[in-house]
Each structure stands twice: as C-alpha cells, then as structure tokens.
Amino acid sequence: MEFVEVRRDSGEIMGNVREGDTKTEALERLGQGPGGLFDKDNLSLLLDSDRLTRARGPYVFRPRLLSSPWDQLTDVTYKSWLLEAMTVEEYNASTVRDRRGLLSDFEQQQQQQHTHVSSDEQSAAILASLSGIDKKLDDMATVSEAMSKAGIDFARSLLQELNLNYTVCPVNETRDGALDVYPWGEKESEEQGQPGCKAMLEKEVLPFEVDEDMPLGFFDVRNRALSELKGGKYKSNGFSDLALGHASSIEHAMQHNKDLVLCYADALVELKTDKSELKQGQLLLQLVSGSVLSNKKKGVVVLGTDCATKWRLLHFTDHNQISVQPYRHGKKCLEDFKKLVETGKERSKLVSPLLQSIPEDAQLRLEEFGFVDTESDKAIDREDYLNKVANALGSVFRESEAPIVPQWARATSSPEYYM
C-alpha cells in the first residue's frame, strides 16, 4: 500500500493519505473541513472525485475561507433583493455570467429608486425588506459536519430531527479475565496502529459464527463511505475503521461489488489511539448510518475502542432508542459485543409501530381520526355536483358550451361555506 504526504502552506506535515484516495476521502481522513489540495506544480484538485497520486505529491492543503458565492456577498441589501427571486442554493448554482447580470439589474433598480424615491422613503423600504432576513437565512442554511468532527450537540440535534433518543448506561465494572491489550507506541498514529488492533480483535473474537457455516471476519473499511444522514437542516457524512461481517460475502464485495461491502456488516469498529478520546457524537451517527446500510438494520452494533483502556458499545434497544454502554474492562466488553452480534437478527425487526402492516380487510374511518365533513365541505360538494350535472346536460343536448352554475348556487354564496 502506497501513501501520499499532505502538508500545510507553512511546510508542516499534516499526515499521509492513501494513493488513489479522492479529494473528499483525503480531507475526511485528515479530519479537515472544506478546502483545496494543490499538487507539486500548485495545481488544485478541481473535483471532489479527483484522486491523489504519489507522482503529483506531496500535496498542500489550503482551507477554503469562503465556502460559496453567497458567502462572498457582503451587501445585505443586495442579498435581500436576491432572496425575493431565488434561494441561496439557486444563487450558488448560477454561472458567473448570471451573477454579473443579477448585480447589474440590482444596481439599475437601485439607481431608479434613488431618482424617484426620497431618501427617507428609500430607507424605510430597505428596512422593511430586511425585516426577518436573518431568521430566513438561518432557516435556509444547512448545517453540515463530518462524523469524525461531530460534537454531541450537533449529533443530538440531528438525532432529534430523526426522532431518535439515546441513553448512557452506568459504567460496567465487571472483570472477566485478562486481556492482551494493544501496546501503542509513543508517537504511533491511528492508521499505523490499525493492523495491530485488528489482529488483537481477531485473536479475542474469532473464530465466530452467527449462522452455521458462515464465519465472520474483521475487514478494513476506511475507504467505504457510510450512508449520509439528513435530518431537518442537519446532515453528516463519514467513515468507520473496521467492519465485522460474513467473511466470504465481504471478500467478494471488496473485489467485485465495493458498494455492497457495508451491507454485510454486522458491526462497525471505530478505533482511536491511546491518547485520543472516543467521540460520543461520532459513534452515535455511525450507528444510525450503519443501520441504514447494513442488512441487519437496527441489529447492527458499534464498538468504540483503543484496544487498551477505552471500551464502549452502542446498539438499538427499540426502533427509536439507542443504548450507550461504557466498560471498565475490555474482556467483558468483547463478550457482550459477541452477544449483541448474535442477537442482531432479532433487533433487525425493530420498526416503528406506525409502520406495522395494516390488515387487508381494514376499513379507513376518517371520523376515527377526527376528520368529519364540515358545513363548508358540504357546500363545496353541492357545487361540484351541480357542475357535473351542467356538464352532463351540455353533452346530452350537444351544446357547444355546458350550462354555467349561477353565482347564487356556488359554494362561496352559501352561508354554510363560512361556518
């Protein structure tokens, strides 16, 4: 496996990424937000799907200070004028020529208003147009955060939009024998320690079968994106480190159907170094995203660990409830991890009561839901009936135009319409 070095403008080394990583994957692996990657000739990777190569390295990362054409606008009056005709997304999607034309139209209109409107009236008009603009912009703005950077407040807000809750259980203090933990080096990175952690987990968990003759295995899935999560104005993307799943299915998918790899995942493993903390927000979002992709749905499990002193399990206990269980000792955590994987098929059946099937012979009674015909509904139905009669008469007598329902017979002329 070959790696490509990425540096800052100052020359400071940020880290290594895999050769062949896309721009998006490289920035996610480095834990960076929006920005540009420039090769040794100072050429920027233009598309998110452009890939990094050793021949063009080392690359330089430069953060993007202004994320969109809209963010570059400083004239609040101009922004207000634009929002009367389009959304922020439409403005960002427009061409440079279109944006120049819009600015020209705005300046001409402002000049005309200045000619015909007094200074006081113009000020009043501008203040009126700006009323509520801050709230409108806030409502329109999408809050996006990578899972690896997601704080607990962001994760909680996204989960609330998805009607999901979580409970953090007391630390499990049970000690069930000794465990050969992974010995992290003084300056060892997460990427450098992954092979050793994977070997340690394989030693403790494997061989392992949930279904007969279908052995499970651990696989590196750092290059397989999890499903994007969206809730209200919040969205998040990310990756996990390892997946535990049906060995032969994942091996085949990695060779021939890479988009199906995570479908076979019974569990995800998020690794941290012994000097890094587990991130609650990241683990919660990984669990929810994994439940979207995995065949086990809400039976999937997430293990967060440094394979030494940090141990945490997350799983669904109901269709909208997540359990977070920290552990003092790794041996007990891995024993419970295997039990949760074994019972994943049962939890995969967790669905909202509202989505349970309705019997075929069930009859929908609107009145049971509080929907009953009002006097206004009856007046509208009468007008509709009269229109049908008029159309039928026109057809029977072959009139070029059907009779018109008189004004006094229409719903809006009936007192009941306003009741």
Foldseek 3Di string as FASTA:
>chain_A
DDWEWEEEPVRHTQDIDRFFAFQQLVCQVSVHDAWWKAFPVRHTDDDSRDTHHNVRDDIYTDHDPQDFPVSVDDDLLLVLVVVVPDDPVVVRPDDPVVVVVSVVVVVVVVVVCPVVPPPVVVVVVSVVSCVPVVVVVVQRAAAEDALVGDAPVLLVVLLVLVLAEEDEDPAAEDDDDDADFQDDDPPAFQVNCVVVLQVSLCVQQPQADLDPPFGKGKDAWSSAKFDWRDGRSYIYIYTAGIFIFRVVVLVVCVVPNVNLNLQGGQETEHAGAPPDDDHPSSQVVRQQSSLVRYVLRQLHKYWYYNRHQWTWIWGDPAQRYIYIYTYRDDNVRSVVVSVSSSCSNVRSPHDDPVPDDDDPPDDDDVVVVVDDDALLNVQQVQQVVVVVVQVVVCVVVVPPDTDDDDPCSHSVNDPRNVD
